[in-house]
Every structure is written in C-alpha cells, then in structure tokens.
Amino acid sequence: MDFSILEFPLEINQTVVYQKSFKDLSNIEHRVLKDVFVTYIYYNLGLKTIYVGETKDFCKRHDQHLRENHFLEGKFNQCI
C-alpha cells in the first residue's frame, strides 16, 4: 500500500473556495483531494480536541464539516 502526506496550510474556518493554499497545489494534488480516499485529522492542541475522518472527496467533506455544530464545537485550528 502506498501513501504519502500532503502538506498545505488549511484555514480551518474557510470553505475550500476561499482557501489560498489550494491555488498552489498541483493538478495531481487537487485530484488526490477530490478523487482518492484520504484520512485526515483536525485537532486543537490547546483544547486537546481531535477529529479523525476518512473520505473520498476531502474538499466537499471539509465544507460539510463547517456546517456541523458538533464539528464547530471542537474549535479545531489545525489539520493534517
């Protein structure tokens, strides 16, 4: 099984359309975020909150999270 870590700054409280860092990703990286199963972790070290998820379309799922109360209560400020 092959895997890699895709690192880019993510503004947690911004939908994908407003993410400045997405513009800097390559076409392959964009395709991975939209068409490949990815595991992601949102967290806030100060509050000791964590959320682990897996999805095939990270961009769509990230935007969905921003509309979920239980997600917003975690006050996440980082994502890997």
PDB file of N, CA and C in Angstrom:
ATOM      1  N   MET A   1       0.853  -1.172   0.000  1.00  0.00           N
ATOM      2  CA  MET A   1       0.000   0.000   0.000  1.00  0.00           C
ATOM      3  C   MET A   1       0.899   1.235   0.000  1.00  0.00           C
ATOM      4  N   ASP A   2       0.649   2.150  -0.919  1.00  0.00           N
ATOM      5  CA  ASP A   2       1.390   3.398  -0.982  1.00  0.00           C
ATOM      6  C   ASP A   2       0.600   4.494  -0.288  1.00  0.00           C
ATOM      7  N   PHE A   3       1.325   5.368   0.384  1.00  0.00           N
ATOM      8  CA  PHE A   3       0.685   6.523   0.981  1.00  0.00           C
ATOM      9  C   PHE A   3       1.707   7.640   1.078  1.00  0.00           C
ATOM     10  N   SER A   4       1.228   8.828   1.228  1.00  0.00           N
ATOM     11  CA  SER A   4       2.101   9.971   1.444  1.00  0.00           C
ATOM     12  C   SER A   4       1.310  11.037   2.186  1.00  0.00           C
ATOM     13  N   ILE A   5       2.031  11.985   2.721  1.00  0.00           N
ATOM     14  CA  ILE A   5       1.402  13.087   3.439  1.00  0.00           C
ATOM     15  C   ILE A   5       1.408  14.300   2.529  1.00  0.00           C
ATOM     16  N   LEU A   6       0.256  14.868   2.342  1.00  0.00           N
ATOM     17  CA  LEU A   6       0.106  16.075   1.540  1.00  0.00           C
ATOM     18  C   LEU A   6       0.038  17.240   2.516  1.00  0.00           C
ATOM     19  N   GLU A   7       1.056  18.067   2.494  1.00  0.00           N
ATOM     20  CA  GLU A   7       1.118  19.169   3.442  1.00  0.00           C
ATOM     21  C   GLU A   7       0.768  20.480   2.755  1.00  0.00           C
ATOM     22  N   PHE A   8      -0.187  21.179   3.325  1.00  0.00           N
ATOM     23  CA  PHE A   8      -0.522  22.530   2.870  1.00  0.00           C
ATOM     24  C   PHE A   8      -1.267  23.219   3.998  1.00  0.00           C
ATOM     25  N   PRO A   9      -1.073  24.529   4.142  1.00  0.00           N
ATOM     26  CA  PRO A   9      -1.780  25.236   5.210  1.00  0.00           C
ATOM     27  C   PRO A   9      -3.273  25.272   4.911  1.00  0.00           C
ATOM     28  N   LEU A  10      -4.049  25.006   5.917  1.00  0.00           N
ATOM     29  CA  LEU A  10      -5.500  24.970   5.762  1.00  0.00           C
ATOM     30  C   LEU A  10      -6.119  25.944   6.750  1.00  0.00           C
ATOM     31  N   GLU A  11      -6.894  26.869   6.239  1.00  0.00           N
ATOM     32  CA  GLU A  11      -7.615  27.789   7.104  1.00  0.00           C
ATOM     33  C   GLU A  11      -8.898  27.083   7.526  1.00  0.00           C
ATOM     34  N   ILE A  12      -8.931  26.639   8.761  1.00  0.00           N
ATOM     35  CA  ILE A  12      -9.982  25.754   9.248  1.00  0.00           C
ATOM     36  C   ILE A  12     -11.379  26.337   9.070  1.00  0.00           C
ATOM     37  N   ASN A  13     -11.549  27.619   9.280  1.00  0.00           N
ATOM     38  CA  ASN A  13     -12.891  28.197   9.231  1.00  0.00           C
ATOM     39  C   ASN A  13     -13.252  28.780   7.869  1.00  0.00           C
ATOM     40  N   GLN A  14     -12.555  28.377   6.824  1.00  0.00           N
ATOM     41  CA  GLN A  14     -12.829  28.848   5.474  1.00  0.00           C
ATOM     42  C   GLN A  14     -13.219  27.674   4.589  1.00  0.00           C
ATOM     43  N   THR A  15     -14.239  27.866   3.768  1.00  0.00           N
ATOM     44  CA  THR A  15     -14.599  26.819   2.817  1.00  0.00           C
ATOM     45  C   THR A  15     -13.497  26.696   1.771  1.00  0.00           C
ATOM     46  N   VAL A  16     -13.525  25.620   1.020  1.00  0.00           N
ATOM     47  CA  VAL A  16     -12.478  25.329   0.050  1.00  0.00           C
ATOM     48  C   VAL A  16     -12.310  26.469  -0.956  1.00  0.00           C
ATOM     49  N   VAL A  17     -13.396  27.080  -1.371  1.00  0.00           N
ATOM     50  CA  VAL A  17     -13.328  28.162  -2.359  1.00  0.00           C
ATOM     51  C   VAL A  17     -12.409  29.291  -1.888  1.00  0.00           C
ATOM     52  N   TYR A  18     -12.368  29.532  -0.586  1.00  0.00           N
ATOM     53  CA  TYR A  18     -11.594  30.646  -0.036  1.00  0.00           C
ATOM     54  C   TYR A  18     -10.217  30.232   0.483  1.00  0.00           C
ATOM     55  N   GLN A  19      -9.821  29.005   0.270  1.00  0.00           N
ATOM     56  CA  GLN A  19      -8.513  28.533   0.724  1.00  0.00           C
ATOM     57  C   GLN A  19      -7.424  29.031  -0.227  1.00  0.00           C
ATOM     58  N   LYS A  20      -6.579  29.919   0.245  1.00  0.00           N
ATOM     59  CA  LYS A  20      -5.489  30.445  -0.575  1.00  0.00           C
ATOM     60  C   LYS A  20      -4.513  29.346  -0.970  1.00  0.00           C
ATOM     61  N   SER A  21      -4.275  28.408  -0.076  1.00  0.00           N
ATOM     62  CA  SER A  21      -3.273  27.368  -0.315  1.00  0.00           C
ATOM     63  C   SER A  21      -3.682  26.392  -1.417  1.00  0.00           C
ATOM     64  N   PHE A  22      -4.976  26.238  -1.687  1.00  0.00           N
ATOM     65  CA  PHE A  22      -5.414  25.305  -2.730  1.00  0.00           C
ATOM     66  C   PHE A  22      -4.947  25.740  -4.113  1.00  0.00           C
ATOM     67  N   LYS A  23      -4.800  27.026  -4.309  1.00  0.00           N
ATOM     68  CA  LYS A  23      -4.349  27.530  -5.605  1.00  0.00           C
ATOM     69  C   LYS A  23      -2.914  27.106  -5.905  1.00  0.00           C
ATOM     70  N   ASP A  24      -2.138  26.831  -4.862  1.00  0.00           N
ATOM     71  CA  ASP A  24      -0.733  26.461  -5.030  1.00  0.00           C
ATOM     72  C   ASP A  24      -0.526  24.963  -5.238  1.00  0.00           C
ATOM     73  N   LEU A  25      -1.573  24.170  -5.092  1.00  0.00           N
ATOM     74  CA  LEU A  25      -1.441  22.723  -5.255  1.00  0.00           C
ATOM     75  C   LEU A  25      -1.350  22.355  -6.733  1.00  0.00           C
ATOM     76  N   SER A  26      -0.636  21.285  -7.003  1.00  0.00           N
ATOM     77  CA  SER A  26      -0.531  20.799  -8.383  1.00  0.00           C
ATOM     78  C   SER A  26      -1.844  20.139  -8.805  1.00  0.00           C
ATOM     79  N   ASN A  27      -1.987  19.887 -10.086  1.00  0.00           N
ATOM     80  CA  ASN A  27      -3.181  19.198 -10.590  1.00  0.00           C
ATOM     81  C   ASN A  27      -3.328  17.824  -9.953  1.00  0.00           C
ATOM     82  N   ILE A  28      -2.224  17.127  -9.778  1.00  0.00           N
ATOM     83  CA  ILE A  28      -2.263  15.796  -9.152  1.00  0.00           C
ATOM     84  C   ILE A  28      -2.747  15.908  -7.713  1.00  0.00           C
ATOM     85  N   GLU A  29      -2.244  16.887  -6.976  1.00  0.00           N
ATOM     86  CA  GLU A  29      -2.667  17.061  -5.586  1.00  0.00           C
ATOM     87  C   GLU A  29      -4.154  17.413  -5.506  1.00  0.00           C
ATOM     88  N   HIS A  30      -4.634  18.232  -6.414  1.00  0.00           N
ATOM     89  CA  HIS A  30      -6.073  18.539  -6.461  1.00  0.00           C
ATOM     90  C   HIS A  30      -6.883  17.268  -6.706  1.00  0.00           C
ATOM     91  N   ARG A  31      -6.428  16.450  -7.628  1.00  0.00           N
ATOM     92  CA  ARG A  31      -7.145  15.203  -7.932  1.00  0.00           C
ATOM     93  C   ARG A  31      -7.154  14.265  -6.734  1.00  0.00           C
ATOM     94  N   VAL A  32      -6.042  14.201  -6.011  1.00  0.00           N
ATOM     95  CA  VAL A  32      -5.985  13.344  -4.819  1.00  0.00           C
ATOM     96  C   VAL A  32      -7.035  13.792  -3.810  1.00  0.00           C
ATOM     97  N   LEU A  33      -7.125  15.091  -3.563  1.00  0.00           N
ATOM     98  CA  LEU A  33      -8.084  15.596  -2.579  1.00  0.00           C
ATOM     99  C   LEU A  33      -9.532  15.386  -3.005  1.00  0.00           C
ATOM    100  N   LYS A  34      -9.784  15.254  -4.280  1.00  0.00           N
ATOM    101  CA  LYS A  34     -11.158  15.083  -4.764  1.00  0.00           C
ATOM    102  C   LYS A  34     -11.516  13.644  -5.119  1.00  0.00           C
ATOM    103  N   ASP A  35     -10.530  12.816  -5.496  1.00  0.00           N
ATOM    104  CA  ASP A  35     -10.855  11.503  -6.067  1.00  0.00           C
ATOM    105  C   ASP A  35     -10.233  10.297  -5.365  1.00  0.00           C
ATOM    106  N   VAL A  36      -9.484  10.509  -4.298  1.00  0.00           N
ATOM    107  CA  VAL A  36      -8.787   9.408  -3.632  1.00  0.00           C
ATOM    108  C   VAL A  36      -9.200   9.393  -2.160  1.00  0.00           C
ATOM    109  N   PHE A  37      -9.371   8.206  -1.599  1.00  0.00           N
ATOM    110  CA  PHE A  37      -9.679   8.117  -0.174  1.00  0.00           C
ATOM    111  C   PHE A  37      -8.504   8.668   0.623  1.00  0.00           C
ATOM    112  N   VAL A  38      -8.802   9.627   1.494  1.00  0.00           N
ATOM    113  CA  VAL A  38      -7.780  10.215   2.352  1.00  0.00           C
ATOM    114  C   VAL A  38      -8.243  10.143   3.802  1.00  0.00           C
ATOM    115  N   THR A  39      -7.297   9.995   4.691  1.00  0.00           N
ATOM    116  CA  THR A  39      -7.540  10.076   6.123  1.00  0.00           C
ATOM    117  C   THR A  39      -7.026  11.432   6.579  1.00  0.00           C
ATOM    118  N   TYR A  40      -7.822  12.129   7.348  1.00  0.00           N
ATOM    119  CA  TYR A  40      -7.437  13.467   7.794  1.00  0.00           C
ATOM    120  C   TYR A  40      -7.703  13.596   9.286  1.00  0.00           C
ATOM    121  N   ILE A  41      -6.975  14.496   9.916  1.00  0.00           N
ATOM    122  CA  ILE A  41      -7.111  14.724  11.354  1.00  0.00           C
ATOM    123  C   ILE A  41      -7.209  16.225  11.599  1.00  0.00           C
ATOM    124  N   TYR A  42      -8.311  16.648  12.179  1.00  0.00           N
ATOM    125  CA  TYR A  42      -8.448  18.018  12.663  1.00  0.00           C
ATOM    126  C   TYR A  42      -8.114  17.975  14.150  1.00  0.00           C
ATOM    127  N   TYR A  43      -7.434  19.006  14.637  1.00  0.00           N
ATOM    128  CA  TYR A  43      -7.108  18.998  16.060  1.00  0.00           C
ATOM    129  C   TYR A  43      -6.874  20.412  16.579  1.00  0.00           C
ATOM    130  N   ASN A  44      -6.933  20.517  17.906  1.00  0.00           N
ATOM    131  CA  ASN A  44      -6.600  21.738  18.620  1.00  0.00           C
ATOM    132  C   ASN A  44      -5.801  21.296  19.834  1.00  0.00           C
ATOM    133  N   LEU A  45      -4.498  21.535  19.816  1.00  0.00           N
ATOM    134  CA  LEU A  45      -3.638  21.075  20.906  1.00  0.00           C
ATOM    135  C   LEU A  45      -3.956  21.778  22.219  1.00  0.00           C
ATOM    136  N   GLY A  46      -4.291  23.053  22.163  1.00  0.00           N
ATOM    137  CA  GLY A  46      -4.602  23.798  23.379  1.00  0.00           C
ATOM    138  C   GLY A  46      -5.829  23.263  24.097  1.00  0.00           C
ATOM    139  N   LEU A  47      -6.848  22.920  23.341  1.00  0.00           N
ATOM    140  CA  LEU A  47      -8.089  22.402  23.923  1.00  0.00           C
ATOM    141  C   LEU A  47      -8.106  20.883  24.028  1.00  0.00           C
ATOM    142  N   LYS A  48      -7.092  20.246  23.442  1.00  0.00           N
ATOM    143  CA  LYS A  48      -6.985  18.783  23.430  1.00  0.00           C
ATOM    144  C   LYS A  48      -8.211  18.140  22.773  1.00  0.00           C
ATOM    145  N   THR A  49      -8.606  18.699  21.619  1.00  0.00           N
ATOM    146  CA  THR A  49      -9.701  18.124  20.846  1.00  0.00           C
ATOM    147  C   THR A  49      -9.142  17.541  19.557  1.00  0.00           C
ATOM    148  N   ILE A  50      -9.776  16.467  19.099  1.00  0.00           N
ATOM    149  CA  ILE A  50      -9.308  15.784  17.898  1.00  0.00           C
ATOM    150  C   ILE A  50     -10.503  15.196  17.152  1.00  0.00           C
ATOM    151  N   TYR A  51     -10.388  15.177  15.837  1.00  0.00           N
ATOM    152  CA  TYR A  51     -11.405  14.561  14.990  1.00  0.00           C
ATOM    153  C   TYR A  51     -10.670  13.862  13.860  1.00  0.00           C
ATOM    154  N   VAL A  52     -10.914  12.576  13.696  1.00  0.00           N
ATOM    155  CA  VAL A  52     -10.288  11.799  12.629  1.00  0.00           C
ATOM    156  C   VAL A  52     -11.375  11.380  11.654  1.00  0.00           C
ATOM    157  N   GLY A  53     -11.122  11.584  10.380  1.00  0.00           N
ATOM    158  CA  GLY A  53     -12.101  11.214   9.368  1.00  0.00           C
ATOM    159  C   GLY A  53     -11.445  10.609   8.148  1.00  0.00           C
ATOM    160  N   GLU A  54     -12.264   9.996   7.313  1.00  0.00           N
ATOM    161  CA  GLU A  54     -11.800   9.454   6.038  1.00  0.00           C
ATOM    162  C   GLU A  54     -12.880   9.750   5.007  1.00  0.00           C
ATOM    163  N   THR A  55     -12.449  10.155   3.832  1.00  0.00           N
ATOM    164  CA  THR A  55     -13.403  10.498   2.784  1.00  0.00           C
ATOM    165  C   THR A  55     -12.746  10.380   1.419  1.00  0.00           C
ATOM    166  N   LYS A  56     -13.559  10.276   0.396  1.00  0.00           N
ATOM    167  CA  LYS A  56     -13.030  10.224  -0.964  1.00  0.00           C
ATOM    168  C   LYS A  56     -12.960  11.623  -1.578  1.00  0.00           C
ATOM    169  N   ASP A  57     -13.675  12.573  -1.060  1.00  0.00           N
ATOM    170  CA  ASP A  57     -13.636  13.944  -1.573  1.00  0.00           C
ATOM    171  C   ASP A  57     -13.421  14.890  -0.395  1.00  0.00           C
ATOM    172  N   PHE A  58     -12.150  15.113  -0.053  1.00  0.00           N
ATOM    173  CA  PHE A  58     -11.834  15.926   1.117  1.00  0.00           C
ATOM    174  C   PHE A  58     -12.394  17.343   0.990  1.00  0.00           C
ATOM    175  N   CYS A  59     -12.313  17.921  -0.184  1.00  0.00           N
ATOM    176  CA  CYS A  59     -12.780  19.302  -0.371  1.00  0.00           C
ATOM    177  C   CYS A  59     -14.258  19.433  -0.015  1.00  0.00           C
ATOM    178  N   LYS A  60     -15.065  18.534  -0.523  1.00  0.00           N
ATOM    179  CA  LYS A  60     -16.504  18.550  -0.240  1.00  0.00           C
ATOM    180  C   LYS A  60     -16.754  18.289   1.241  1.00  0.00           C
ATOM    181  N   ARG A  61     -16.048  17.322   1.811  1.00  0.00           N
ATOM    182  CA  ARG A  61     -16.255  16.961   3.219  1.00  0.00           C
ATOM    183  C   ARG A  61     -15.837  18.095   4.146  1.00  0.00           C
ATOM    184  N   HIS A  62     -14.739  18.781   3.819  1.00  0.00           N
ATOM    185  CA  HIS A  62     -14.305  19.913   4.643  1.00  0.00           C
ATOM    186  C   HIS A  62     -15.413  20.966   4.708  1.00  0.00           C
ATOM    187  N   ASP A  63     -15.993  21.283   3.561  1.00  0.00           N
ATOM    188  CA  ASP A  63     -17.073  22.269   3.528  1.00  0.00           C
ATOM    189  C   ASP A  63     -18.296  21.787   4.313  1.00  0.00           C
ATOM    190  N   GLN A  64     -18.588  20.487   4.265  1.00  0.00           N
ATOM    191  CA  GLN A  64     -19.705  19.940   5.039  1.00  0.00           C
ATOM    192  C   GLN A  64     -19.447  20.088   6.534  1.00  0.00           C
ATOM    193  N   HIS A  65     -18.207  19.843   6.960  1.00  0.00           N
ATOM    194  CA  HIS A  65     -17.871  19.971   8.383  1.00  0.00           C
ATOM    195  C   HIS A  65     -18.181  21.373   8.904  1.00  0.00           C
ATOM    196  N   LEU A  66     -17.964  22.377   8.082  1.00  0.00           N
ATOM    197  CA  LEU A  66     -18.169  23.752   8.531  1.00  0.00           C
ATOM    198  C   LEU A  66     -19.630  24.068   8.816  1.00  0.00           C
ATOM    199  N   ARG A  67     -20.534  23.184   8.435  1.00  0.00           N
ATOM    200  CA  ARG A  67     -21.970  23.369   8.702  1.00  0.00           C
ATOM    201  C   ARG A  67     -22.471  22.458   9.829  1.00  0.00           C
ATOM    202  N   GLU A  68     -21.574  21.721  10.475  1.00  0.00           N
ATOM    203  CA  GLU A  68     -21.975  20.766  11.516  1.00  0.00           C
ATOM    204  C   GLU A  68     -21.642  21.320  12.901  1.00  0.00           C
ATOM    205  N   ASN A  69     -22.663  21.451  13.746  1.00  0.00           N
ATOM    206  CA  ASN A  69     -22.456  22.005  15.084  1.00  0.00           C
ATOM    207  C   ASN A  69     -21.458  21.201  15.901  1.00  0.00           C
ATOM    208  N   HIS A  70     -21.559  19.867  15.870  1.00  0.00           N
ATOM    209  CA  HIS A  70     -20.653  19.063  16.691  1.00  0.00           C
ATOM    210  C   HIS A  70     -19.204  19.237  16.245  1.00  0.00           C
ATOM    211  N   PHE A  71     -18.991  19.526  14.977  1.00  0.00           N
ATOM    212  CA  PHE A  71     -17.638  19.773  14.488  1.00  0.00           C
ATOM    213  C   PHE A  71     -17.149  21.145  14.954  1.00  0.00           C
ATOM    214  N   LEU A  72     -18.000  22.143  14.841  1.00  0.00           N
ATOM    215  CA  LEU A  72     -17.615  23.500  15.230  1.00  0.00           C
ATOM    216  C   LEU A  72     -17.316  23.600  16.717  1.00  0.00           C
ATOM    217  N   GLU A  73     -17.967  22.778  17.534  1.00  0.00           N
ATOM    218  CA  GLU A  73     -17.725  22.789  18.974  1.00  0.00           C
ATOM    219  C   GLU A  73     -16.300  22.365  19.313  1.00  0.00           C
ATOM    220  N   GLY A  74     -15.648  21.616  18.428  1.00  0.00           N
ATOM    221  CA  GLY A  74     -14.273  21.188  18.663  1.00  0.00           C
ATOM    222  C   GLY A  74     -13.262  22.307  18.539  1.00  0.00           C
ATOM    223  N   LYS A  75     -13.653  23.421  17.929  1.00  0.00           N
ATOM    224  CA  LYS A  75     -12.780  24.590  17.749  1.00  0.00           C
ATOM    225  C   LYS A  75     -11.413  24.186  17.202  1.00  0.00           C
ATOM    226  N   PHE A  76     -11.428  23.363  16.168  1.00  0.00           N
ATOM    227  CA  PHE A  76     -10.179  22.878  15.585  1.00  0.00           C
ATOM    228  C   PHE A  76      -9.448  24.015  14.885  1.00  0.00           C
ATOM    229  N   ASN A  77      -8.118  24.011  15.014  1.00  0.00           N
ATOM    230  CA  ASN A  77      -7.327  25.045  14.355  1.00  0.00           C
ATOM    231  C   ASN A  77      -6.183  24.475  13.515  1.00  0.00           C
ATOM    232  N   GLN A  78      -6.096  23.163  13.411  1.00  0.00           N
ATOM    233  CA  GLN A  78      -5.054  22.510  12.618  1.00  0.00           C
ATOM    234  C   GLN A  78      -5.646  21.298  11.903  1.00  0.00           C
ATOM    235  N   CYS A  79      -5.039  20.939  10.787  1.00  0.00           N
ATOM    236  CA  CYS A  79      -5.473  19.754  10.048  1.00  0.00           C
ATOM    237  C   CYS A  79      -4.270  19.131   9.361  1.00  0.00           C
ATOM    238  N   ILE A  80      -4.174  17.796   9.439  1.00  0.00           N
ATOM    239  CA  ILE A  80      -3.143  17.078   8.679  1.00  0.00           C
ATOM    240  C   ILE A  80      -3.812  15.959   7.914  1.00  0.00           C
TER     241      ILE A  80
END
